[in-house]
């Protein structure tokens, strides 16, 4: 027997239930003639008459009645097999591993853990700092979600989903007062290295250099707390994300021509971008990050 179109079986079930070509056609959105042609095709494939015309309408034959329960069951199983799997964050008891660039984990880690624990009360949660092997582990599925700035150099196997917009600003100690952008550029600069973002290239300095501006880099660190402590001494400036603002610092927005817009994103395997778990974790991270601004 040739393979049977599932649509023919669905029409068959509806016709058995309605006993009317017209009513079956209305439910399916097709004409009576189309319903009749489908049943003729199905009858030829199965090799048995399927319906008898009576004064009360079409009635399934003995053969049709005998196969109807199995067809209904098979269609039900097919529907279940192809329907999206339901996901309940309250009952999810698997692991959730997240990697963040250092500043986010340092200053928002407690809020993130609290919100994740509330949303996924049975999950095993691990919060990690973004490292040199994070992208590889994301691609392999060892890390559920990473949070960093949009990076065009990142592997195309990693999907980057926007969390919020940000921009780069210059930060100085409040003890220096509200400096102009030009005045801030005269200070020695602290360069903050962030794994997964600027360990290979420092975009803002590249842009300034292309315009003939080369700030003096006095020190390079990979820890925001250390950078902040140095800034508070009132002798340095630093380029950082506007969302990293600290009460002890003044920030200076650059002129329009020297502005770099950023996008904070969640990073996940491309094949997992529609995963209910990944989408739920992304929503939690986005909620916490927007609230902390």
C-alpha atoms as a PDB file:
ATOM      1  CA  UNK A   1       0.000   0.000   0.000  1.00  0.00           C
ATOM      2  CA  UNK A   2       1.261   3.452  -0.873  1.00  0.00           C
ATOM      3  CA  UNK A   3       1.830   5.917   1.948  1.00  0.00           C
ATOM      4  CA  UNK A   4      -1.353   7.714   2.963  1.00  0.00           C
ATOM      5  CA  UNK A   5      -1.597  11.481   3.270  1.00  0.00           C
ATOM      6  CA  UNK A   6      -2.489  12.358   6.872  1.00  0.00           C
ATOM      7  CA  UNK A   7      -4.842  15.048   5.577  1.00  0.00           C
ATOM      8  CA  UNK A   8      -6.968  12.300   3.980  1.00  0.00           C
ATOM      9  CA  UNK A   9      -7.229  10.539   7.326  1.00  0.00           C
ATOM     10  CA  UNK A  10      -8.200  13.754   9.110  1.00  0.00           C
ATOM     11  CA  UNK A  11     -10.925  14.354   6.526  1.00  0.00           C
ATOM     12  CA  UNK A  12     -12.067  10.756   6.939  1.00  0.00           C
ATOM     13  CA  UNK A  13     -12.462  11.199  10.724  1.00  0.00           C
ATOM     14  CA  UNK A  14     -14.381  14.471  10.321  1.00  0.00           C
ATOM     15  CA  UNK A  15     -16.700  12.915   7.755  1.00  0.00           C
ATOM     16  CA  UNK A  16     -17.376   9.955  10.064  1.00  0.00           C
ATOM     17  CA  UNK A  17     -18.285  12.425  12.803  1.00  0.00           C
ATOM     18  CA  UNK A  18     -20.413  14.789  10.719  1.00  0.00           C
ATOM     19  CA  UNK A  19     -22.004  12.423   8.160  1.00  0.00           C
ATOM     20  CA  UNK A  20     -22.051  15.366   5.752  1.00  0.00           C
ATOM     21  CA  UNK A  21     -19.716  16.462   2.960  1.00  0.00           C
ATOM     22  CA  UNK A  22     -20.850  20.046   3.501  1.00  0.00           C
ATOM     23  CA  UNK A  23     -20.239  20.112   7.270  1.00  0.00           C
ATOM     24  CA  UNK A  24     -16.861  18.377   6.927  1.00  0.00           C
ATOM     25  CA  UNK A  25     -15.883  20.826   4.180  1.00  0.00           C
ATOM     26  CA  UNK A  26     -16.870  23.815   6.324  1.00  0.00           C
ATOM     27  CA  UNK A  27     -14.686  22.625   9.200  1.00  0.00           C
ATOM     28  CA  UNK A  28     -11.768  22.054   6.854  1.00  0.00           C
ATOM     29  CA  UNK A  29     -12.295  25.219   4.824  1.00  0.00           C
ATOM     30  CA  UNK A  30     -12.669  23.323   1.542  1.00  0.00           C
ATOM     31  CA  UNK A  31     -15.538  22.562  -0.832  1.00  0.00           C
ATOM     32  CA  UNK A  32     -17.850  19.524  -0.756  1.00  0.00           C
ATOM     33  CA  UNK A  33     -16.303  18.443  -4.045  1.00  0.00           C
ATOM     34  CA  UNK A  34     -12.810  18.535  -2.520  1.00  0.00           C
ATOM     35  CA  UNK A  35     -13.968  16.406   0.424  1.00  0.00           C
ATOM     36  CA  UNK A  36     -15.537  13.898  -1.983  1.00  0.00           C
ATOM     37  CA  UNK A  37     -12.361  13.709  -4.081  1.00  0.00           C
ATOM     38  CA  UNK A  38     -10.244  13.121  -0.977  1.00  0.00           C
ATOM     39  CA  UNK A  39     -12.464  10.236   0.142  1.00  0.00           C
ATOM     40  CA  UNK A  40     -12.395   8.732  -3.342  1.00  0.00           C
ATOM     41  CA  UNK A  41      -8.593   8.813  -3.233  1.00  0.00           C
ATOM     42  CA  UNK A  42      -8.527   7.280   0.259  1.00  0.00           C
ATOM     43  CA  UNK A  43     -10.992   4.546  -0.791  1.00  0.00           C
ATOM     44  CA  UNK A  44      -8.776   3.646  -3.746  1.00  0.00           C
ATOM     45  CA  UNK A  45      -5.696   3.503  -1.505  1.00  0.00           C
ATOM     46  CA  UNK A  46      -7.352   1.364   1.172  1.00  0.00           C
ATOM     47  CA  UNK A  47      -9.236  -0.853  -1.291  1.00  0.00           C
ATOM     48  CA  UNK A  48     -12.553  -0.727   0.599  1.00  0.00           C
ATOM     49  CA  UNK A  49     -15.730   1.355   0.348  1.00  0.00           C
ATOM     50  CA  UNK A  50     -15.757   3.919   3.165  1.00  0.00           C
ATOM     51  CA  UNK A  51     -19.257   5.465   3.170  1.00  0.00           C
ATOM     52  CA  UNK A  52     -22.807   4.647   2.106  1.00  0.00           C
ATOM     53  CA  UNK A  53     -25.347   7.280   1.094  1.00  0.00           C
ATOM     54  CA  UNK A  54     -28.597   7.038   3.076  1.00  0.00           C
ATOM     55  CA  UNK A  55     -31.604   9.296   3.482  1.00  0.00           C
ATOM     56  CA  UNK A  56     -29.993  10.487   6.702  1.00  0.00           C
ATOM     57  CA  UNK A  57     -26.728  11.380   4.945  1.00  0.00           C
ATOM     58  CA  UNK A  58     -23.412   9.603   4.585  1.00  0.00           C
ATOM     59  CA  UNK A  59     -22.793   6.729   6.935  1.00  0.00           C
ATOM     60  CA  UNK A  60     -19.462   4.947   7.506  1.00  0.00           C
ATOM     61  CA  UNK A  61     -19.309   1.365   6.323  1.00  0.00           C
ATOM     62  CA  UNK A  62     -18.534  -1.536   8.636  1.00  0.00           C
ATOM     63  CA  UNK A  63     -14.916  -1.353   7.439  1.00  0.00           C
ATOM     64  CA  UNK A  64     -14.721   2.372   8.260  1.00  0.00           C
ATOM     65  CA  UNK A  65     -16.161   1.813  11.717  1.00  0.00           C
ATOM     66  CA  UNK A  66     -13.584  -0.895  12.380  1.00  0.00           C
ATOM     67  CA  UNK A  67     -10.565   1.269  11.450  1.00  0.00           C
ATOM     68  CA  UNK A  68     -11.862   4.582  12.854  1.00  0.00           C
ATOM     69  CA  UNK A  69     -10.690   4.087  16.515  1.00  0.00           C
ATOM     70  CA  UNK A  70      -7.142   3.213  15.445  1.00  0.00           C
ATOM     71  CA  UNK A  71      -6.970   6.162  13.030  1.00  0.00           C
ATOM     72  CA  UNK A  72      -8.230   8.554  15.713  1.00  0.00           C
ATOM     73  CA  UNK A  73      -5.646   7.196  18.138  1.00  0.00           C
ATOM     74  CA  UNK A  74      -2.836   7.450  15.556  1.00  0.00           C
ATOM     75  CA  UNK A  75      -3.747  11.050  14.698  1.00  0.00           C
ATOM     76  CA  UNK A  76      -3.819  11.909  18.406  1.00  0.00           C
ATOM     77  CA  UNK A  77      -0.345  10.431  18.876  1.00  0.00           C
ATOM     78  CA  UNK A  78       0.913  12.324  15.827  1.00  0.00           C
ATOM     79  CA  UNK A  79      -0.492  15.586  17.214  1.00  0.00           C
ATOM     80  CA  UNK A  80       1.191  14.988  20.569  1.00  0.00           C
ATOM     81  CA  UNK A  81       4.482  14.113  18.907  1.00  0.00           C
ATOM     82  CA  UNK A  82       4.540  17.291  16.839  1.00  0.00           C
ATOM     83  CA  UNK A  83       3.186  19.706  19.466  1.00  0.00           C
ATOM     84  CA  UNK A  84       5.633  21.935  21.372  1.00  0.00           C
ATOM     85  CA  UNK A  85       6.855  20.407  24.615  1.00  0.00           C
ATOM     86  CA  UNK A  86       5.395  22.283  27.561  1.00  0.00           C
ATOM     87  CA  UNK A  87       7.936  23.861  29.896  1.00  0.00           C
ATOM     88  CA  UNK A  88       7.358  24.766  33.523  1.00  0.00           C
ATOM     89  CA  UNK A  89      10.174  26.727  35.155  1.00  0.00           C
ATOM     90  CA  UNK A  90       8.752  25.913  38.610  1.00  0.00           C
ATOM     91  CA  UNK A  91       9.281  22.179  38.099  1.00  0.00           C
ATOM     92  CA  UNK A  92      12.459  22.242  36.011  1.00  0.00           C
ATOM     93  CA  UNK A  93      15.049  20.323  38.050  1.00  0.00           C
ATOM     94  CA  UNK A  94      18.010  20.314  35.677  1.00  0.00           C
ATOM     95  CA  UNK A  95      21.124  22.476  35.718  1.00  0.00           C
ATOM     96  CA  UNK A  96      21.412  26.101  34.596  1.00  0.00           C
ATOM     97  CA  UNK A  97      24.930  27.404  33.992  1.00  0.00           C
ATOM     98  CA  UNK A  98      25.444  31.069  33.159  1.00  0.00           C
ATOM     99  CA  UNK A  99      28.617  32.977  32.286  1.00  0.00           C
ATOM    100  CA  UNK A 100      28.841  36.747  32.738  1.00  0.00           C
ATOM    101  CA  UNK A 101      31.527  39.301  32.073  1.00  0.00           C
ATOM    102  CA  UNK A 102      33.147  40.110  35.384  1.00  0.00           C
ATOM    103  CA  UNK A 103      31.397  43.391  36.184  1.00  0.00           C
ATOM    104  CA  UNK A 104      27.873  41.978  35.835  1.00  0.00           C
ATOM    105  CA  UNK A 105      28.635  39.007  38.052  1.00  0.00           C
ATOM    106  CA  UNK A 106      30.364  41.199  40.638  1.00  0.00           C
ATOM    107  CA  UNK A 107      27.609  43.772  41.002  1.00  0.00           C
ATOM    108  CA  UNK A 108      24.437  41.968  39.903  1.00  0.00           C
ATOM    109  CA  UNK A 109      25.256  38.372  40.862  1.00  0.00           C
ATOM    110  CA  UNK A 110      23.200  38.353  44.072  1.00  0.00           C
ATOM    111  CA  UNK A 111      20.115  39.823  42.348  1.00  0.00           C
ATOM    112  CA  UNK A 112      20.515  37.403  39.458  1.00  0.00           C
ATOM    113  CA  UNK A 113      20.804  34.403  41.771  1.00  0.00           C
ATOM    114  CA  UNK A 114      17.777  35.528  43.792  1.00  0.00           C
ATOM    115  CA  UNK A 115      15.611  35.972  40.684  1.00  0.00           C
ATOM    116  CA  UNK A 116      16.804  32.741  39.081  1.00  0.00           C
ATOM    117  CA  UNK A 117      16.166  30.800  42.305  1.00  0.00           C
ATOM    118  CA  UNK A 118      12.647  32.205  42.481  1.00  0.00           C
ATOM    119  CA  UNK A 119      11.882  31.387  38.856  1.00  0.00           C
ATOM    120  CA  UNK A 120      13.616  27.977  38.869  1.00  0.00           C
ATOM    121  CA  UNK A 121      13.266  26.801  42.504  1.00  0.00           C
ATOM    122  CA  UNK A 122      14.325  23.202  41.759  1.00  0.00           C
ATOM    123  CA  UNK A 123      17.192  23.908  39.359  1.00  0.00           C
ATOM    124  CA  UNK A 124      20.902  23.642  40.113  1.00  0.00           C
ATOM    125  CA  UNK A 125      22.232  27.117  39.294  1.00  0.00           C
ATOM    126  CA  UNK A 126      25.861  27.952  38.564  1.00  0.00           C
ATOM    127  CA  UNK A 127      27.076  31.512  37.918  1.00  0.00           C
ATOM    128  CA  UNK A 128      30.512  31.838  36.316  1.00  0.00           C
ATOM    129  CA  UNK A 129      32.788  34.578  35.047  1.00  0.00           C
ATOM    130  CA  UNK A 130      33.197  34.683  31.262  1.00  0.00           C
ATOM    131  CA  UNK A 131      36.497  32.936  30.485  1.00  0.00           C
ATOM    132  CA  UNK A 132      38.651  32.153  27.465  1.00  0.00           C
ATOM    133  CA  UNK A 133      36.806  28.855  26.879  1.00  0.00           C
ATOM    134  CA  UNK A 134      33.272  30.190  27.431  1.00  0.00           C
ATOM    135  CA  UNK A 135      32.383  30.442  23.741  1.00  0.00           C
ATOM    136  CA  UNK A 136      33.522  26.871  23.129  1.00  0.00           C
ATOM    137  CA  UNK A 137      31.450  25.640  26.089  1.00  0.00           C
ATOM    138  CA  UNK A 138      28.442  27.604  24.796  1.00  0.00           C
ATOM    139  CA  UNK A 139      28.748  25.874  21.424  1.00  0.00           C
ATOM    140  CA  UNK A 140      29.088  22.490  23.126  1.00  0.00           C
ATOM    141  CA  UNK A 141      26.079  23.090  25.380  1.00  0.00           C
ATOM    142  CA  UNK A 142      28.115  23.076  28.589  1.00  0.00           C
ATOM    143  CA  UNK A 143      26.920  26.613  29.381  1.00  0.00           C
ATOM    144  CA  UNK A 144      23.225  27.430  29.112  1.00  0.00           C
ATOM    145  CA  UNK A 145      23.564  31.156  28.573  1.00  0.00           C
ATOM    146  CA  UNK A 146      26.278  33.787  28.472  1.00  0.00           C
ATOM    147  CA  UNK A 147      25.828  37.525  29.011  1.00  0.00           C
ATOM    148  CA  UNK A 148      28.133  39.993  27.315  1.00  0.00           C
ATOM    149  CA  UNK A 149      28.215  42.789  24.771  1.00  0.00           C
ATOM    150  CA  UNK A 150      27.313  42.104  21.160  1.00  0.00           C
ATOM    151  CA  UNK A 151      30.506  41.042  19.410  1.00  0.00           C
ATOM    152  CA  UNK A 152      30.568  40.753  15.623  1.00  0.00           C
ATOM    153  CA  UNK A 153      33.659  38.540  15.891  1.00  0.00           C
ATOM    154  CA  UNK A 154      31.792  35.868  17.854  1.00  0.00           C
ATOM    155  CA  UNK A 155      31.178  32.461  16.245  1.00  0.00           C
ATOM    156  CA  UNK A 156      28.094  32.263  14.018  1.00  0.00           C
ATOM    157  CA  UNK A 157      27.148  29.099  15.945  1.00  0.00           C
ATOM    158  CA  UNK A 158      26.337  31.373  18.885  1.00  0.00           C
ATOM    159  CA  UNK A 159      23.057  33.301  18.764  1.00  0.00           C
ATOM    160  CA  UNK A 160      23.180  36.751  20.399  1.00  0.00           C
ATOM    161  CA  UNK A 161      19.805  37.951  21.734  1.00  0.00           C
ATOM    162  CA  UNK A 162      19.483  41.607  22.751  1.00  0.00           C
ATOM    163  CA  UNK A 163      18.941  42.451  26.419  1.00  0.00           C
ATOM    164  CA  UNK A 164      19.344  46.224  26.442  1.00  0.00           C
ATOM    165  CA  UNK A 165      21.109  49.127  24.765  1.00  0.00           C
ATOM    166  CA  UNK A 166      24.164  50.731  26.332  1.00  0.00           C
ATOM    167  CA  UNK A 167      26.978  53.085  25.368  1.00  0.00           C
ATOM    168  CA  UNK A 168      30.587  53.827  26.237  1.00  0.00           C
ATOM    169  CA  UNK A 169      31.356  56.827  28.461  1.00  0.00           C
ATOM    170  CA  UNK A 170      34.426  58.241  30.205  1.00  0.00           C
ATOM    171  CA  UNK A 171      34.466  57.919  33.998  1.00  0.00           C
ATOM    172  CA  UNK A 172      36.463  60.028  36.454  1.00  0.00           C
ATOM    173  CA  UNK A 173      36.444  60.532  40.203  1.00  0.00           C
ATOM    174  CA  UNK A 174      33.828  62.915  41.600  1.00  0.00           C
ATOM    175  CA  UNK A 175      36.708  64.725  43.301  1.00  0.00           C
ATOM    176  CA  UNK A 176      37.700  66.091  39.878  1.00  0.00           C
ATOM    177  CA  UNK A 177      34.315  67.679  39.357  1.00  0.00           C
ATOM    178  CA  UNK A 178      32.374  67.498  36.094  1.00  0.00           C
ATOM    179  CA  UNK A 179      35.132  67.558  33.470  1.00  0.00           C
ATOM    180  CA  UNK A 180      34.544  68.090  29.791  1.00  0.00           C
ATOM    181  CA  UNK A 181      35.293  65.294  27.372  1.00  0.00           C
ATOM    182  CA  UNK A 182      38.381  67.138  26.136  1.00  0.00           C
ATOM    183  CA  UNK A 183      39.645  67.648  29.705  1.00  0.00           C
ATOM    184  CA  UNK A 184      39.114  63.991  30.583  1.00  0.00           C
ATOM    185  CA  UNK A 185      41.171  62.902  27.567  1.00  0.00           C
ATOM    186  CA  UNK A 186      44.211  64.662  29.054  1.00  0.00           C
ATOM    187  CA  UNK A 187      44.248  62.324  32.064  1.00  0.00           C
ATOM    188  CA  UNK A 188      46.135  59.021  32.087  1.00  0.00           C
ATOM    189  CA  UNK A 189      43.707  56.203  31.296  1.00  0.00           C
ATOM    190  CA  UNK A 190      42.948  52.864  32.889  1.00  0.00           C
ATOM    191  CA  UNK A 191      42.239  50.183  30.319  1.00  0.00           C
ATOM    192  CA  UNK A 192      39.806  47.523  31.534  1.00  0.00           C
ATOM    193  CA  UNK A 193      40.250  44.217  29.747  1.00  0.00           C
ATOM    194  CA  UNK A 194      37.102  42.095  29.546  1.00  0.00           C
ATOM    195  CA  UNK A 195      37.333  38.490  28.361  1.00  0.00           C
ATOM    196  CA  UNK A 196      35.037  37.917  25.386  1.00  0.00           C
ATOM    197  CA  UNK A 197      34.916  41.581  24.419  1.00  0.00           C
ATOM    198  CA  UNK A 198      38.194  43.483  24.164  1.00  0.00           C
ATOM    199  CA  UNK A 199      40.968  41.020  24.951  1.00  0.00           C
ATOM    200  CA  UNK A 200      42.018  41.137  21.273  1.00  0.00           C
ATOM    201  CA  UNK A 201      41.004  44.659  20.268  1.00  0.00           C
ATOM    202  CA  UNK A 202      39.933  47.790  22.104  1.00  0.00           C
ATOM    203  CA  UNK A 203      37.304  49.314  19.839  1.00  0.00           C
ATOM    204  CA  UNK A 204      37.038  52.737  21.420  1.00  0.00           C
ATOM    205  CA  UNK A 205      40.775  53.400  21.392  1.00  0.00           C
ATOM    206  CA  UNK A 206      40.878  52.207  17.780  1.00  0.00           C
ATOM    207  CA  UNK A 207      38.209  54.743  16.849  1.00  0.00           C
ATOM    208  CA  UNK A 208      39.953  57.593  18.701  1.00  0.00           C
ATOM    209  CA  UNK A 209      43.293  56.703  17.132  1.00  0.00           C
ATOM    210  CA  UNK A 210      41.738  56.783  13.661  1.00  0.00           C
ATOM    211  CA  UNK A 211      40.743  60.401  14.448  1.00  0.00           C
ATOM    212  CA  UNK A 212      44.216  61.329  15.628  1.00  0.00           C
ATOM    213  CA  UNK A 213      43.422  61.060  19.357  1.00  0.00           C
ATOM    214  CA  UNK A 214      45.631  58.770  21.432  1.00  0.00           C
ATOM    215  CA  UNK A 215      44.949  58.836  25.200  1.00  0.00           C
ATOM    216  CA  UNK A 216      47.840  57.724  27.377  1.00  0.00           C
ATOM    217  CA  UNK A 217      47.167  54.262  28.810  1.00  0.00           C
ATOM    218  CA  UNK A 218      48.714  54.201  32.273  1.00  0.00           C
ATOM    219  CA  UNK A 219      47.558  50.782  33.488  1.00  0.00           C
ATOM    220  CA  UNK A 220      45.593  47.761  32.240  1.00  0.00           C
ATOM    221  CA  UNK A 221      43.429  45.726  34.637  1.00  0.00           C
ATOM    222  CA  UNK A 222      40.804  43.004  34.276  1.00  0.00           C
ATOM    223  CA  UNK A 223      38.916  43.776  37.480  1.00  0.00           C
ATOM    224  CA  UNK A 224      36.410  46.615  37.710  1.00  0.00           C
ATOM    225  CA  UNK A 225      36.742  46.948  41.492  1.00  0.00           C
ATOM    226  CA  UNK A 226      40.469  47.613  41.138  1.00  0.00           C
ATOM    227  CA  UNK A 227      39.818  50.095  38.315  1.00  0.00           C
ATOM    228  CA  UNK A 228      37.228  51.897  40.442  1.00  0.00           C
ATOM    229  CA  UNK A 229      39.601  52.155  43.407  1.00  0.00           C
ATOM    230  CA  UNK A 230      42.281  53.665  41.159  1.00  0.00           C
ATOM    231  CA  UNK A 231      39.735  56.069  39.662  1.00  0.00           C
ATOM    232  CA  UNK A 232      38.620  57.206  43.125  1.00  0.00           C
ATOM    233  CA  UNK A 233      42.148  58.478  43.773  1.00  0.00           C
ATOM    234  CA  UNK A 234      41.340  61.254  41.303  1.00  0.00           C
ATOM    235  CA  UNK A 235      44.288  60.925  38.937  1.00  0.00           C
ATOM    236  CA  UNK A 236      42.929  58.746  36.112  1.00  0.00           C
ATOM    237  CA  UNK A 237      40.085  58.363  33.632  1.00  0.00           C
ATOM    238  CA  UNK A 238      38.569  55.216  32.189  1.00  0.00           C
ATOM    239  CA  UNK A 239      36.327  54.261  29.270  1.00  0.00           C
ATOM    240  CA  UNK A 240      33.520  52.012  30.434  1.00  0.00           C
ATOM    241  CA  UNK A 241      29.930  51.054  29.790  1.00  0.00           C
ATOM    242  CA  UNK A 242      27.309  53.550  30.951  1.00  0.00           C
ATOM    243  CA  UNK A 243      25.538  50.721  32.819  1.00  0.00           C
ATOM    244  CA  UNK A 244      28.690  50.324  34.940  1.00  0.00           C
ATOM    245  CA  UNK A 245      28.129  53.754  36.496  1.00  0.00           C
ATOM    246  CA  UNK A 246      29.115  53.981  40.153  1.00  0.00           C
ATOM    247  CA  UNK A 247      27.989  56.553  42.732  1.00  0.00           C
ATOM    248  CA  UNK A 248      31.610  57.489  43.387  1.00  0.00           C
ATOM    249  CA  UNK A 249      32.219  58.432  39.750  1.00  0.00           C
ATOM    250  CA  UNK A 250      31.237  61.128  37.297  1.00  0.00           C
ATOM    251  CA  UNK A 251      30.615  60.013  33.726  1.00  0.00           C
ATOM    252  CA  UNK A 252      31.086  62.061  30.571  1.00  0.00           C
ATOM    253  CA  UNK A 253      29.264  61.250  27.360  1.00  0.00           C
ATOM    254  CA  UNK A 254      31.450  61.661  24.281  1.00  0.00           C
ATOM    255  CA  UNK A 255      30.513  63.979  21.411  1.00  0.00           C
ATOM    256  CA  UNK A 256      28.167  62.425  18.872  1.00  0.00           C
ATOM    257  CA  UNK A 257      30.989  61.731  16.398  1.00  0.00           C
ATOM    258  CA  UNK A 258      32.895  59.754  19.049  1.00  0.00           C
ATOM    259  CA  UNK A 259      29.964  57.791  20.411  1.00  0.00           C
ATOM    260  CA  UNK A 260      29.924  53.977  20.369  1.00  0.00           C
ATOM    261  CA  UNK A 261      26.582  52.332  21.032  1.00  0.00           C
ATOM    262  CA  UNK A 262      26.615  48.923  22.677  1.00  0.00           C
ATOM    263  CA  UNK A 263      24.103  46.135  22.972  1.00  0.00           C
ATOM    264  CA  UNK A 264      24.127  43.857  25.992  1.00  0.00           C
ATOM    265  CA  UNK A 265      23.125  40.409  24.759  1.00  0.00           C
ATOM    266  CA  UNK A 266      22.547  36.890  25.968  1.00  0.00           C
ATOM    267  CA  UNK A 267      24.590  34.298  24.086  1.00  0.00           C
ATOM    268  CA  UNK A 268      23.408  30.755  23.452  1.00  0.00           C
ATOM    269  CA  UNK A 269      23.864  27.935  20.972  1.00  0.00           C
ATOM    270  CA  UNK A 270      22.174  28.795  17.683  1.00  0.00           C
ATOM    271  CA  UNK A 271      20.212  25.533  17.835  1.00  0.00           C
ATOM    272  CA  UNK A 272      18.868  26.512  21.286  1.00  0.00           C
ATOM    273  CA  UNK A 273      17.573  29.972  20.420  1.00  0.00           C
ATOM    274  CA  UNK A 274      13.937  28.753  20.580  1.00  0.00           C
ATOM    275  CA  UNK A 275      14.486  26.529  23.619  1.00  0.00           C
ATOM    276  CA  UNK A 276      11.866  27.299  26.323  1.00  0.00           C
ATOM    277  CA  UNK A 277      14.572  27.013  28.991  1.00  0.00           C
ATOM    278  CA  UNK A 278      16.920  29.436  27.247  1.00  0.00           C
ATOM    279  CA  UNK A 279      14.133  31.919  26.556  1.00  0.00           C
ATOM    280  CA  UNK A 280      13.002  31.771  30.195  1.00  0.00           C
ATOM    281  CA  UNK A 281      16.550  32.323  31.487  1.00  0.00           C
ATOM    282  CA  UNK A 282      17.025  35.203  29.035  1.00  0.00           C
ATOM    283  CA  UNK A 283      13.847  36.852  30.354  1.00  0.00           C
ATOM    284  CA  UNK A 284      15.083  36.611  33.950  1.00  0.00           C
ATOM    285  CA  UNK A 285      18.478  38.107  33.075  1.00  0.00           C
ATOM    286  CA  UNK A 286      16.855  40.894  31.061  1.00  0.00           C
ATOM    287  CA  UNK A 287      14.486  41.732  33.923  1.00  0.00           C
ATOM    288  CA  UNK A 288      17.313  41.950  36.468  1.00  0.00           C
ATOM    289  CA  UNK A 289      19.598  43.965  34.184  1.00  0.00           C
ATOM    290  CA  UNK A 290      16.904  46.521  33.355  1.00  0.00           C
ATOM    291  CA  UNK A 291      15.971  46.908  37.012  1.00  0.00           C
ATOM    292  CA  UNK A 292      19.590  47.496  38.015  1.00  0.00           C
ATOM    293  CA  UNK A 293      20.127  50.409  35.612  1.00  0.00           C
END
